[in-house]
Amino acid sequence: MKPRMNKFLSAPVFSCTNVFQICRLQRQLSTGKYQQNLFSNQPVMFVSPTSQPPCKKLIELIQLSGGKVCNTLRQANICIGEKPGKKYQEIKCLSEKWVLDSVTQHTVCPMENYIFHP
């Protein structure tokens, strides 16, 4: 459609509804490295309430990537962010950056590079 002066184009020309539906369908059907199972083989994780990015956002990201998140530290094998209290010294504590880097690199990064240091 050629641009016309002093006239509006019809609304369907600018409609993105179909594009969003197609993108959503492609995302649901995707396989390979973009499939959402990045953390599916990782132990259960606890996300510290003081984590940055915010706890709720990190939990959502982990779950969208196939990870399992619990509500209490005693049920976890990994703590993301600062561990609340001195209990459960056997639980590995990792920086929030481990989650973010793993997601952006499409691979689970080595945990030993992300040990949390307060």
PDB file of N, CA and C in Angstrom:
ATOM      1  N   MET A   1       0.841  -1.173   0.000  1.00  0.00           N
ATOM      2  CA  MET A   1       0.000   0.000   0.000  1.00  0.00           C
ATOM      3  C   MET A   1       0.888   1.239   0.000  1.00  0.00           C
ATOM      4  N   LYS A   2       0.650   2.135  -0.913  1.00  0.00           N
ATOM      5  CA  LYS A   2       1.438   3.357  -1.017  1.00  0.00           C
ATOM      6  C   LYS A   2       0.984   4.357   0.051  1.00  0.00           C
ATOM      7  N   PRO A   3       1.942   5.104   0.603  1.00  0.00           N
ATOM      8  CA  PRO A   3       1.551   6.119   1.588  1.00  0.00           C
ATOM      9  C   PRO A   3       0.714   7.208   0.919  1.00  0.00           C
ATOM     10  N   ARG A   4      -0.289   7.647   1.603  1.00  0.00           N
ATOM     11  CA  ARG A   4      -1.161   8.704   1.099  1.00  0.00           C
ATOM     12  C   ARG A   4      -1.148   9.859   2.077  1.00  0.00           C
ATOM     13  N   MET A   5      -1.169  10.996   1.564  1.00  0.00           N
ATOM     14  CA  MET A   5      -1.150  12.178   2.414  1.00  0.00           C
ATOM     15  C   MET A   5      -2.559  12.473   2.915  1.00  0.00           C
ATOM     16  N   ASN A   6      -2.654  12.889   4.168  1.00  0.00           N
ATOM     17  CA  ASN A   6      -3.899  13.319   4.784  1.00  0.00           C
ATOM     18  C   ASN A   6      -4.946  12.214   4.914  1.00  0.00           C
ATOM     19  N   LYS A   7      -4.539  10.965   4.922  1.00  0.00           N
ATOM     20  CA  LYS A   7      -5.477   9.857   5.116  1.00  0.00           C
ATOM     21  C   LYS A   7      -4.868   8.841   6.063  1.00  0.00           C
ATOM     22  N   PHE A   8      -5.718   8.195   6.846  1.00  0.00           N
ATOM     23  CA  PHE A   8      -5.280   7.147   7.741  1.00  0.00           C
ATOM     24  C   PHE A   8      -5.294   5.806   7.015  1.00  0.00           C
ATOM     25  N   LEU A   9      -4.344   4.953   7.376  1.00  0.00           N
ATOM     26  CA  LEU A   9      -4.359   3.588   6.855  1.00  0.00           C
ATOM     27  C   LEU A   9      -5.333   2.766   7.682  1.00  0.00           C
ATOM     28  N   SER A  10      -5.844   1.722   7.107  1.00  0.00           N
ATOM     29  CA  SER A  10      -6.809   0.886   7.834  1.00  0.00           C
ATOM     30  C   SER A  10      -6.120   0.178   9.005  1.00  0.00           C
ATOM     31  N   ALA A  11      -6.872  -0.075  10.059  1.00  0.00           N
ATOM     32  CA  ALA A  11      -6.353  -0.692  11.282  1.00  0.00           C
ATOM     33  C   ALA A  11      -5.726  -2.065  11.057  1.00  0.00           C
ATOM     34  N   PRO A  12      -6.286  -2.950  10.210  1.00  0.00           N
ATOM     35  CA  PRO A  12      -5.671  -4.267  10.033  1.00  0.00           C
ATOM     36  C   PRO A  12      -4.219  -4.219   9.565  1.00  0.00           C
ATOM     37  N   VAL A  13      -3.814  -3.168   8.911  1.00  0.00           N
ATOM     38  CA  VAL A  13      -2.428  -3.042   8.456  1.00  0.00           C
ATOM     39  C   VAL A  13      -1.484  -3.031   9.661  1.00  0.00           C
ATOM     40  N   PHE A  14      -1.916  -2.450  10.770  1.00  0.00           N
ATOM     41  CA  PHE A  14      -1.071  -2.318  11.948  1.00  0.00           C
ATOM     42  C   PHE A  14      -1.358  -3.367  13.023  1.00  0.00           C
ATOM     43  N   SER A  15      -2.226  -4.285  12.755  1.00  0.00           N
ATOM     44  CA  SER A  15      -2.601  -5.290  13.745  1.00  0.00           C
ATOM     45  C   SER A  15      -1.454  -6.282  13.976  1.00  0.00           C
ATOM     46  N   CYS A  16      -1.083  -6.489  15.229  1.00  0.00           N
ATOM     47  CA  CYS A  16      -0.007  -7.421  15.576  1.00  0.00           C
ATOM     48  C   CYS A  16      -0.547  -8.706  16.186  1.00  0.00           C
ATOM     49  N   THR A  17      -1.830  -8.832  16.314  1.00  0.00           N
ATOM     50  CA  THR A  17      -2.425  -9.992  16.979  1.00  0.00           C
ATOM     51  C   THR A  17      -1.946 -11.295  16.373  1.00  0.00           C
ATOM     52  N   ASN A  18      -1.996 -11.417  15.066  1.00  0.00           N
ATOM     53  CA  ASN A  18      -1.573 -12.652  14.415  1.00  0.00           C
ATOM     54  C   ASN A  18      -0.089 -12.919  14.616  1.00  0.00           C
ATOM     55  N   VAL A  19       0.718 -11.882  14.600  1.00  0.00           N
ATOM     56  CA  VAL A  19       2.155 -12.041  14.805  1.00  0.00           C
ATOM     57  C   VAL A  19       2.421 -12.605  16.190  1.00  0.00           C
ATOM     58  N   PHE A  20       1.749 -12.070  17.224  1.00  0.00           N
ATOM     59  CA  PHE A  20       1.945 -12.561  18.582  1.00  0.00           C
ATOM     60  C   PHE A  20       1.508 -14.014  18.715  1.00  0.00           C
ATOM     61  N   GLN A  21       0.399 -14.374  18.072  1.00  0.00           N
ATOM     62  CA  GLN A  21      -0.081 -15.756  18.134  1.00  0.00           C
ATOM     63  C   GLN A  21       0.912 -16.699  17.468  1.00  0.00           C
ATOM     64  N   ILE A  22       1.477 -16.307  16.358  1.00  0.00           N
ATOM     65  CA  ILE A  22       2.457 -17.138  15.664  1.00  0.00           C
ATOM     66  C   ILE A  22       3.715 -17.292  16.507  1.00  0.00           C
ATOM     67  N   CYS A  23       4.203 -16.191  17.093  1.00  0.00           N
ATOM     68  CA  CYS A  23       5.397 -16.244  17.944  1.00  0.00           C
ATOM     69  C   CYS A  23       5.170 -17.153  19.146  1.00  0.00           C
ATOM     70  N   ARG A  24       4.005 -17.039  19.772  1.00  0.00           N
ATOM     71  CA  ARG A  24       3.692 -17.876  20.920  1.00  0.00           C
ATOM     72  C   ARG A  24       3.679 -19.345  20.525  1.00  0.00           C
ATOM     73  N   LEU A  25       3.065 -19.665  19.391  1.00  0.00           N
ATOM     74  CA  LEU A  25       3.005 -21.047  18.918  1.00  0.00           C
ATOM     75  C   LEU A  25       4.401 -21.564  18.605  1.00  0.00           C
ATOM     76  N   GLN A  26       5.227 -20.764  17.936  1.00  0.00           N
ATOM     77  CA  GLN A  26       6.589 -21.193  17.632  1.00  0.00           C
ATOM     78  C   GLN A  26       7.391 -21.435  18.902  1.00  0.00           C
ATOM     79  N   ARG A  27       7.217 -20.591  19.902  1.00  0.00           N
ATOM     80  CA  ARG A  27       7.925 -20.756  21.170  1.00  0.00           C
ATOM     81  C   ARG A  27       7.494 -22.040  21.863  1.00  0.00           C
ATOM     82  N   GLN A  28       6.199 -22.367  21.809  1.00  0.00           N
ATOM     83  CA  GLN A  28       5.703 -23.579  22.447  1.00  0.00           C
ATOM     84  C   GLN A  28       6.182 -24.832  21.732  1.00  0.00           C
ATOM     85  N   LEU A  29       6.380 -24.741  20.431  1.00  0.00           N
ATOM     86  CA  LEU A  29       6.781 -25.904  19.657  1.00  0.00           C
ATOM     87  C   LEU A  29       8.294 -26.017  19.491  1.00  0.00           C
ATOM     88  N   SER A  30       9.032 -25.057  20.020  1.00  0.00           N
ATOM     89  CA  SER A  30      10.476 -25.046  19.796  1.00  0.00           C
ATOM     90  C   SER A  30      11.144 -26.237  20.470  1.00  0.00           C
ATOM     91  N   THR A  31      12.253 -26.658  19.879  1.00  0.00           N
ATOM     92  CA  THR A  31      13.035 -27.764  20.421  1.00  0.00           C
ATOM     93  C   THR A  31      14.490 -27.347  20.449  1.00  0.00           C
ATOM     94  N   GLY A  32      15.336 -28.257  20.875  1.00  0.00           N
ATOM     95  CA  GLY A  32      16.768 -27.985  20.886  1.00  0.00           C
ATOM     96  C   GLY A  32      17.174 -27.097  22.033  1.00  0.00           C
ATOM     97  N   LYS A  33      18.166 -26.243  21.785  1.00  0.00           N
ATOM     98  CA  LYS A  33      18.735 -25.456  22.881  1.00  0.00           C
ATOM     99  C   LYS A  33      17.774 -24.416  23.437  1.00  0.00           C
ATOM    100  N   TYR A  34      16.696 -24.089  22.734  1.00  0.00           N
ATOM    101  CA  TYR A  34      15.740 -23.110  23.234  1.00  0.00           C
ATOM    102  C   TYR A  34      14.585 -23.750  23.982  1.00  0.00           C
ATOM    103  N   GLN A  35      14.569 -25.058  24.057  1.00  0.00           N
ATOM    104  CA  GLN A  35      13.524 -25.729  24.816  1.00  0.00           C
ATOM    105  C   GLN A  35      13.715 -25.376  26.287  1.00  0.00           C
ATOM    106  N   GLN A  36      12.631 -25.218  26.993  1.00  0.00           N
ATOM    107  CA  GLN A  36      12.702 -24.707  28.355  1.00  0.00           C
ATOM    108  C   GLN A  36      12.936 -25.818  29.375  1.00  0.00           C
ATOM    109  N   ASN A  37      14.100 -26.427  29.313  1.00  0.00           N
ATOM    110  CA  ASN A  37      14.437 -27.481  30.260  1.00  0.00           C
ATOM    111  C   ASN A  37      15.850 -27.306  30.801  1.00  0.00           C
ATOM    112  N   LEU A  38      16.360 -26.100  30.741  1.00  0.00           N
ATOM    113  CA  LEU A  38      17.729 -25.809  31.135  1.00  0.00           C
ATOM    114  C   LEU A  38      18.064 -26.319  32.536  1.00  0.00           C
ATOM    115  N   PHE A  39      17.190 -26.056  33.505  1.00  0.00           N
ATOM    116  CA  PHE A  39      17.458 -26.443  34.898  1.00  0.00           C
ATOM    117  C   PHE A  39      16.747 -27.727  35.314  1.00  0.00           C
ATOM    118  N   SER A  40      16.191 -28.470  34.376  1.00  0.00           N
ATOM    119  CA  SER A  40      15.387 -29.647  34.723  1.00  0.00           C
ATOM    120  C   SER A  40      16.199 -30.739  35.425  1.00  0.00           C
ATOM    121  N   ASN A  41      17.510 -30.807  35.184  1.00  0.00           N
ATOM    122  CA  ASN A  41      18.344 -31.826  35.835  1.00  0.00           C
ATOM    123  C   ASN A  41      19.095 -31.292  37.043  1.00  0.00           C
ATOM    124  N   GLN A  42      18.763 -30.088  37.473  1.00  0.00           N
ATOM    125  CA  GLN A  42      19.438 -29.478  38.624  1.00  0.00           C
ATOM    126  C   GLN A  42      18.676 -29.800  39.907  1.00  0.00           C
ATOM    127  N   PRO A  43      19.385 -29.787  41.038  1.00  0.00           N
ATOM    128  CA  PRO A  43      18.713 -30.040  42.323  1.00  0.00           C
ATOM    129  C   PRO A  43      17.677 -28.957  42.634  1.00  0.00           C
ATOM    130  N   VAL A  44      16.846 -29.243  43.600  1.00  0.00           N
ATOM    131  CA  VAL A  44      15.829 -28.290  44.048  1.00  0.00           C
ATOM    132  C   VAL A  44      16.527 -27.043  44.589  1.00  0.00           C
ATOM    133  N   MET A  45      15.993 -25.879  44.226  1.00  0.00           N
ATOM    134  CA  MET A  45      16.613 -24.608  44.605  1.00  0.00           C
ATOM    135  C   MET A  45      15.715 -23.800  45.538  1.00  0.00           C
ATOM    136  N   PHE A  46      16.354 -23.057  46.403  1.00  0.00           N
ATOM    137  CA  PHE A  46      15.696 -22.061  47.252  1.00  0.00           C
ATOM    138  C   PHE A  46      16.258 -20.712  46.837  1.00  0.00           C
ATOM    139  N   VAL A  47      15.394 -19.740  46.614  1.00  0.00           N
ATOM    140  CA  VAL A  47      15.844 -18.396  46.246  1.00  0.00           C
ATOM    141  C   VAL A  47      15.702 -17.491  47.463  1.00  0.00           C
ATOM    142  N   SER A  48      16.795 -16.881  47.845  1.00  0.00           N
ATOM    143  CA  SER A  48      16.814 -15.997  49.011  1.00  0.00           C
ATOM    144  C   SER A  48      15.848 -14.831  48.819  1.00  0.00           C
ATOM    145  N   PRO A  49      15.101 -14.486  49.882  1.00  0.00           N
ATOM    146  CA  PRO A  49      14.174 -13.353  49.781  1.00  0.00           C
ATOM    147  C   PRO A  49      14.883 -12.024  49.534  1.00  0.00           C
ATOM    148  N   THR A  50      16.188 -11.955  49.817  1.00  0.00           N
ATOM    149  CA  THR A  50      16.942 -10.711  49.619  1.00  0.00           C
ATOM    150  C   THR A  50      17.689 -10.681  48.282  1.00  0.00           C
ATOM    151  N   SER A  51      17.408 -11.633  47.421  1.00  0.00           N
ATOM    152  CA  SER A  51      18.151 -11.731  46.159  1.00  0.00           C
ATOM    153  C   SER A  51      17.879 -10.535  45.246  1.00  0.00           C
ATOM    154  N   GLN A  52      18.841 -10.272  44.385  1.00  0.00           N
ATOM    155  CA  GLN A  52      18.717  -9.238  43.356  1.00  0.00           C
ATOM    156  C   GLN A  52      19.132  -9.853  42.041  1.00  0.00           C
ATOM    157  N   PRO A  53      18.308  -9.916  41.024  1.00  0.00           N
ATOM    158  CA  PRO A  53      16.957  -9.409  40.874  1.00  0.00           C
ATOM    159  C   PRO A  53      16.014  -9.970  41.944  1.00  0.00           C
ATOM    160  N   PRO A  54      14.848  -9.370  42.080  1.00  0.00           N
ATOM    161  CA  PRO A  54      13.909  -9.775  43.128  1.00  0.00           C
ATOM    162  C   PRO A  54      13.573 -11.267  43.089  1.00  0.00           C
ATOM    163  N   CYS A  55      13.357 -11.798  44.262  1.00  0.00           N
ATOM    164  CA  CYS A  55      13.077 -13.213  44.478  1.00  0.00           C
ATOM    165  C   CYS A  55      12.006 -13.752  43.528  1.00  0.00           C
ATOM    166  N   LYS A  56      10.887 -13.073  43.427  1.00  0.00           N
ATOM    167  CA  LYS A  56       9.783 -13.557  42.583  1.00  0.00           C
ATOM    168  C   LYS A  56      10.197 -13.668  41.119  1.00  0.00           C
ATOM    169  N   LYS A  57      10.981 -12.726  40.646  1.00  0.00           N
ATOM    170  CA  LYS A  57      11.423 -12.740  39.251  1.00  0.00           C
ATOM    171  C   LYS A  57      12.396 -13.896  38.999  1.00  0.00           C
ATOM    172  N   LEU A  58      13.314 -14.129  39.949  1.00  0.00           N
ATOM    173  CA  LEU A  58      14.257 -15.238  39.801  1.00  0.00           C
ATOM    174  C   LEU A  58      13.537 -16.583  39.842  1.00  0.00           C
ATOM    175  N   ILE A  59      12.578 -16.717  40.750  1.00  0.00           N
ATOM    176  CA  ILE A  59      11.798 -17.958  40.835  1.00  0.00           C
ATOM    177  C   ILE A  59      11.083 -18.214  39.516  1.00  0.00           C
ATOM    178  N   GLU A  60      10.472 -17.182  38.970  1.00  0.00           N
ATOM    179  CA  GLU A  60       9.759 -17.325  37.700  1.00  0.00           C
ATOM    180  C   GLU A  60      10.722 -17.750  36.586  1.00  0.00           C
ATOM    181  N   LEU A  61      11.897 -17.156  36.538  1.00  0.00           N
ATOM    182  CA  LEU A  61      12.886 -17.481  35.524  1.00  0.00           C
ATOM    183  C   LEU A  61      13.361 -18.932  35.660  1.00  0.00           C
ATOM    184  N   ILE A  62      13.625 -19.359  36.881  1.00  0.00           N
ATOM    185  CA  ILE A  62      14.066 -20.744  37.122  1.00  0.00           C
ATOM    186  C   ILE A  62      12.982 -21.734  36.704  1.00  0.00           C
ATOM    187  N   GLN A  63      11.751 -21.457  37.091  1.00  0.00           N
ATOM    188  CA  GLN A  63      10.646 -22.354  36.754  1.00  0.00           C
ATOM    189  C   GLN A  63      10.381 -22.386  35.254  1.00  0.00           C
ATOM    190  N   LEU A  64      10.455 -21.237  34.587  1.00  0.00           N
ATOM    191  CA  LEU A  64      10.279 -21.198  33.132  1.00  0.00           C
ATOM    192  C   LEU A  64      11.379 -21.968  32.411  1.00  0.00           C
ATOM    193  N   SER A  65      12.511 -22.142  33.085  1.00  0.00           N
ATOM    194  CA  SER A  65      13.632 -22.880  32.513  1.00  0.00           C
ATOM    195  C   SER A  65      13.660 -24.326  32.986  1.00  0.00           C
ATOM    196  N   GLY A  66      12.558 -24.797  33.548  1.00  0.00           N
ATOM    197  CA  GLY A  66      12.443 -26.195  33.932  1.00  0.00           C
ATOM    198  C   GLY A  66      12.961 -26.545  35.314  1.00  0.00           C
ATOM    199  N   GLY A  67      13.364 -25.548  36.102  1.00  0.00           N
ATOM    200  CA  GLY A  67      13.899 -25.805  37.432  1.00  0.00           C
ATOM    201  C   GLY A  67      12.823 -25.983  38.485  1.00  0.00           C
ATOM    202  N   LYS A  68      13.224 -26.612  39.599  1.00  0.00           N
ATOM    203  CA  LYS A  68      12.326 -26.830  40.724  1.00  0.00           C
ATOM    204  C   LYS A  68      12.740 -25.893  41.855  1.00  0.00           C
ATOM    205  N   VAL A  69      11.765 -25.174  42.409  1.00  0.00           N
ATOM    206  CA  VAL A  69      12.027 -24.212  43.478  1.00  0.00           C
ATOM    207  C   VAL A  69      11.166 -24.570  44.669  1.00  0.00           C
ATOM    208  N   CYS A  70      11.762 -24.518  45.870  1.00  0.00           N
ATOM    209  CA  CYS A  70      11.001 -24.786  47.086  1.00  0.00           C
ATOM    210  C   CYS A  70      10.918 -23.516  47.928  1.00  0.00           C
ATOM    211  N   ASN A  71      10.013 -23.545  48.911  1.00  0.00           N
ATOM    212  CA  ASN A  71       9.764 -22.355  49.742  1.00  0.00           C
ATOM    213  C   ASN A  71      10.615 -22.288  50.999  1.00  0.00           C
ATOM    214  N   THR A  72      11.244 -23.391  51.367  1.00  0.00           N
ATOM    215  CA  THR A  72      12.061 -23.391  52.583  1.00  0.00           C
ATOM    216  C   THR A  72      13.462 -23.899  52.282  1.00  0.00           C
ATOM    217  N   LEU A  73      14.431 -23.343  52.964  1.00  0.00           N
ATOM    218  CA  LEU A  73      15.828 -23.692  52.749  1.00  0.00           C
ATOM    219  C   LEU A  73      16.108 -25.158  53.065  1.00  0.00           C
ATOM    220  N   ARG A  74      15.455 -25.704  54.067  1.00  0.00           N
ATOM    221  CA  ARG A  74      15.740 -27.082  54.475  1.00  0.00           C
ATOM    222  C   ARG A  74      15.353 -28.117  53.418  1.00  0.00           C
ATOM    223  N   GLN A  75      14.489 -27.747  52.471  1.00  0.00           N
ATOM    224  CA  GLN A  75      14.095 -28.668  51.405  1.00  0.00           C
ATOM    225  C   GLN A  75      14.996 -28.554  50.178  1.00  0.00           C
ATOM    226  N   ALA A  76      15.910 -27.595  50.182  1.00  0.00           N
ATOM    227  CA  ALA A  76      16.719 -27.292  48.998  1.00  0.00           C
ATOM    228  C   ALA A  76      18.078 -27.966  49.035  1.00  0.00           C
ATOM    229  N   ASN A  77      18.669 -28.092  47.864  1.00  0.00           N
ATOM    230  CA  ASN A  77      20.053 -28.533  47.726  1.00  0.00           C
ATOM    231  C   ASN A  77      20.947 -27.382  47.278  1.00  0.00           C
ATOM    232  N   ILE A  78      20.311 -26.342  46.738  1.00  0.00           N
ATOM    233  CA  ILE A  78      21.030 -25.146  46.292  1.00  0.00           C
ATOM    234  C   ILE A  78      20.275 -23.920  46.788  1.00  0.00           C
ATOM    235  N   CYS A  79      21.035 -22.948  47.289  1.00  0.00           N
ATOM    236  CA  CYS A  79      20.452 -21.656  47.667  1.00  0.00           C
ATOM    237  C   CYS A  79      20.960 -20.623  46.672  1.00  0.00           C
ATOM    238  N   ILE A  80      20.042 -19.853  46.102  1.00  0.00           N
ATOM    239  CA  ILE A  80      20.412 -18.786  45.175  1.00  0.00           C
ATOM    240  C   ILE A  80      20.363 -17.471  45.946  1.00  0.00           C
ATOM    241  N   GLY A  81      21.509 -16.797  46.041  1.00  0.00           N
ATOM    242  CA  GLY A  81      21.600 -15.571  46.818  1.00  0.00           C
ATOM    243  C   GLY A  81      22.099 -15.862  48.218  1.00  0.00           C
ATOM    244  N   GLU A  82      21.994 -14.869  49.071  1.00  0.00           N
ATOM    245  CA  GLU A  82      22.498 -14.999  50.445  1.00  0.00           C
ATOM    246  C   GLU A  82      21.636 -15.943  51.266  1.00  0.00           C
ATOM    247  N   LYS A  83      22.300 -16.881  51.925  1.00  0.00           N
ATOM    248  CA  LYS A  83      21.605 -17.863  52.748  1.00  0.00           C
ATOM    249  C   LYS A  83      21.136 -17.195  54.033  1.00  0.00           C
ATOM    250  N   PRO A  84      19.825 -17.281  54.335  1.00  0.00           N
ATOM    251  CA  PRO A  84      19.331 -16.688  55.581  1.00  0.00           C
ATOM    252  C   PRO A  84      19.757 -17.540  56.782  1.00  0.00           C
ATOM    253  N   GLY A  85      20.479 -16.952  57.707  1.00  0.00           N
ATOM    254  CA  GLY A  85      20.892 -17.659  58.916  1.00  0.00           C
ATOM    255  C   GLY A  85      22.132 -18.514  58.719  1.00  0.00           C
ATOM    256  N   LYS A  86      22.515 -19.215  59.779  1.00  0.00           N
ATOM    257  CA  LYS A  86      23.739 -20.033  59.770  1.00  0.00           C
ATOM    258  C   LYS A  86      23.450 -21.524  59.611  1.00  0.00           C
ATOM    259  N   LYS A  87      22.181 -21.913  59.633  1.00  0.00           N
ATOM    260  CA  LYS A  87      21.826 -23.328  59.509  1.00  0.00           C
ATOM    261  C   LYS A  87      22.118 -23.851  58.118  1.00  0.00           C
ATOM    262  N   TYR A  88      22.087 -25.142  58.000  1.00  0.00           N
ATOM    263  CA  TYR A  88      22.188 -25.830  56.714  1.00  0.00           C
ATOM    264  C   TYR A  88      23.467 -25.478  55.956  1.00  0.00           C
ATOM    265  N   GLN A  89      24.595 -25.635  56.636  1.00  0.00           N
ATOM    266  CA  GLN A  89      25.890 -25.328  56.029  1.00  0.00           C
ATOM    267  C   GLN A  89      26.200 -26.226  54.829  1.00  0.00           C
ATOM    268  N   GLU A  90      25.552 -27.392  54.745  1.00  0.00           N
ATOM    269  CA  GLU A  90      25.806 -28.329  53.654  1.00  0.00           C
ATOM    270  C   GLU A  90      25.164 -27.904  52.323  1.00  0.00           C
ATOM    271  N   ILE A  91      24.277 -26.921  52.371  1.00  0.00           N
ATOM    272  CA  ILE A  91      23.597 -26.464  51.155  1.00  0.00           C
ATOM    273  C   ILE A  91      24.512 -25.506  50.392  1.00  0.00           C
ATOM    274  N   LYS A  92      24.722 -25.816  49.126  1.00  0.00           N
ATOM    275  CA  LYS A  92      25.563 -24.984  48.263  1.00  0.00           C
ATOM    276  C   LYS A  92      24.853 -23.657  47.999  1.00  0.00           C
ATOM    277  N   CYS A  93      25.578 -22.565  48.188  1.00  0.00           N
ATOM    278  CA  CYS A  93      25.009 -21.232  48.016  1.00  0.00           C
ATOM    279  C   CYS A  93      25.651 -20.574  46.789  1.00  0.00           C
ATOM    280  N   LEU A  94      24.818 -20.256  45.790  1.00  0.00           N
ATOM    281  CA  LEU A  94      25.301 -19.697  44.537  1.00  0.00           C
ATOM    282  C   LEU A  94      24.802 -18.268  44.329  1.00  0.00           C
ATOM    283  N   SER A  95      25.580 -17.519  43.601  1.00  0.00           N
ATOM    284  CA  SER A  95      25.202 -16.148  43.239  1.00  0.00           C
ATOM    285  C   SER A  95      24.021 -16.176  42.273  1.00  0.00           C
ATOM    286  N   GLU A  96      23.211 -15.130  42.330  1.00  0.00           N
ATOM    287  CA  GLU A  96      22.092 -14.987  41.395  1.00  0.00           C
ATOM    288  C   GLU A  96      22.596 -14.952  39.953  1.00  0.00           C
ATOM    289  N   LYS A  97      23.822 -14.508  39.792  1.00  0.00           N
ATOM    290  CA  LYS A  97      24.439 -14.418  38.457  1.00  0.00           C
ATOM    291  C   LYS A  97      24.523 -15.788  37.785  1.00  0.00           C
ATOM    292  N   TRP A  98      24.595 -16.868  38.567  1.00  0.00           N
ATOM    293  CA  TRP A  98      24.627 -18.225  37.994  1.00  0.00           C
ATOM    294  C   TRP A  98      23.357 -18.486  37.186  1.00  0.00           C
ATOM    295  N   VAL A  99      22.214 -18.116  37.732  1.00  0.00           N
ATOM    296  CA  VAL A  99      20.937 -18.299  37.028  1.00  0.00           C
ATOM    297  C   VAL A  99      20.918 -17.437  35.773  1.00  0.00           C
ATOM    298  N   LEU A 100      21.260 -16.164  35.918  1.00  0.00           N
ATOM    299  CA  LEU A 100      21.200 -15.231  34.793  1.00  0.00           C
ATOM    300  C   LEU A 100      22.171 -15.621  33.673  1.00  0.00           C
ATOM    301  N   ASP A 101      23.401 -15.962  34.038  1.00  0.00           N
ATOM    302  CA  ASP A 101      24.384 -16.357  33.025  1.00  0.00           C
ATOM    303  C   ASP A 101      23.981 -17.657  32.332  1.00  0.00           C
ATOM    304  N   SER A 102      23.476 -18.612  33.094  1.00  0.00           N
ATOM    305  CA  SER A 102      23.055 -19.890  32.511  1.00  0.00           C
ATOM    306  C   SER A 102      21.944 -19.683  31.491  1.00  0.00           C
ATOM    307  N   VAL A 103      20.986 -18.840  31.823  1.00  0.00           N
ATOM    308  CA  VAL A 103      19.869 -18.586  30.912  1.00  0.00           C
ATOM    309  C   VAL A 103      20.355 -17.854  29.663  1.00  0.00           C
ATOM    310  N   THR A 104      21.180 -16.842  29.833  1.00  0.00           N
ATOM    311  CA  THR A 104      21.623 -16.078  28.662  1.00  0.00           C
ATOM    312  C   THR A 104      22.572 -16.882  27.778  1.00  0.00           C
ATOM    313  N   GLN A 105      23.312 -17.836  28.349  1.00  0.00           N
ATOM    314  CA  GLN A 105      24.248 -18.649  27.567  1.00  0.00           C
ATOM    315  C   GLN A 105      23.630 -19.969  27.097  1.00  0.00           C
ATOM    316  N   HIS A 106      22.379 -20.228  27.480  1.00  0.00           N
ATOM    317  CA  HIS A 106      21.663 -21.448  27.087  1.00  0.00           C
ATOM    318  C   HIS A 106      22.373 -22.720  27.519  1.00  0.00           C
ATOM    319  N   THR A 107      23.080 -22.646  28.628  1.00  0.00           N
ATOM    320  CA  THR A 107      23.757 -23.816  29.178  1.00  0.00           C
ATOM    321  C   THR A 107      23.949 -23.603  30.677  1.00  0.00           C
ATOM    322  N   VAL A 108      23.943 -24.679  31.433  1.00  0.00           N
ATOM    323  CA  VAL A 108      24.150 -24.553  32.873  1.00  0.00           C
ATOM    324  C   VAL A 108      25.634 -24.271  33.115  1.00  0.00           C
ATOM    325  N   CYS A 109      25.911 -23.111  33.658  1.00  0.00           N
ATOM    326  CA  CYS A 109      27.291 -22.705  33.923  1.00  0.00           C
ATOM    327  C   CYS A 109      27.866 -23.505  35.089  1.00  0.00           C
ATOM    328  N   PRO A 110      29.199 -23.670  35.141  1.00  0.00           N
ATOM    329  CA  PRO A 110      29.828 -24.405  36.244  1.00  0.00           C
ATOM    330  C   PRO A 110      29.560 -23.709  37.588  1.00  0.00           C
ATOM    331  N   MET A 111      29.012 -24.458  38.522  1.00  0.00           N
ATOM    332  CA  MET A 111      28.631 -23.891  39.821  1.00  0.00           C
ATOM    333  C   MET A 111      29.826 -23.339  40.586  1.00  0.00           C
ATOM    334  N   GLU A 112      30.982 -23.981  40.449  1.00  0.00           N
ATOM    335  CA  GLU A 112      32.150 -23.551  41.231  1.00  0.00           C
ATOM    336  C   GLU A 112      32.586 -22.128  40.896  1.00  0.00           C
ATOM    337  N   ASN A 113      32.178 -21.610  39.750  1.00  0.00           N
ATOM    338  CA  ASN A 113      32.511 -20.224  39.380  1.00  0.00           C
ATOM    339  C   ASN A 113      31.543 -19.201  39.977  1.00  0.00           C
ATOM    340  N   TYR A 114      30.504 -19.675  40.679  1.00  0.00           N
ATOM    341  CA  TYR A 114      29.449 -18.778  41.156  1.00  0.00           C
ATOM    342  C   TYR A 114      29.133 -18.968  42.647  1.00  0.00           C
ATOM    343  N   ILE A 115      30.084 -19.458  43.416  1.00  0.00           N
ATOM    344  CA  ILE A 115      29.875 -19.624  44.862  1.00  0.00           C
ATOM    345  C   ILE A 115      29.590 -18.253  45.455  1.00  0.00           C
ATOM    346  N   PHE A 116      28.530 -18.167  46.258  1.00  0.00           N
ATOM    347  CA  PHE A 116      28.109 -16.885  46.836  1.00  0.00           C
ATOM    348  C   PHE A 116      29.070 -16.471  47.946  1.00  0.00           C
ATOM    349  N   HIS A 117      29.527 -15.216  47.870  1.00  0.00           N
ATOM    350  CA  HIS A 117      30.365 -14.634  48.901  1.00  0.00           C
ATOM    351  C   HIS A 117      29.696 -13.330  49.345  1.00  0.00           C
ATOM    352  N   PRO A 118      29.199 -13.286  50.604  1.00  0.00           N
ATOM    353  CA  PRO A 118      28.499 -12.067  51.077  1.00  0.00           C
ATOM    354  C   PRO A 118      29.423 -10.868  51.164  1.00  0.00           C
TER     355      PRO A 118
END
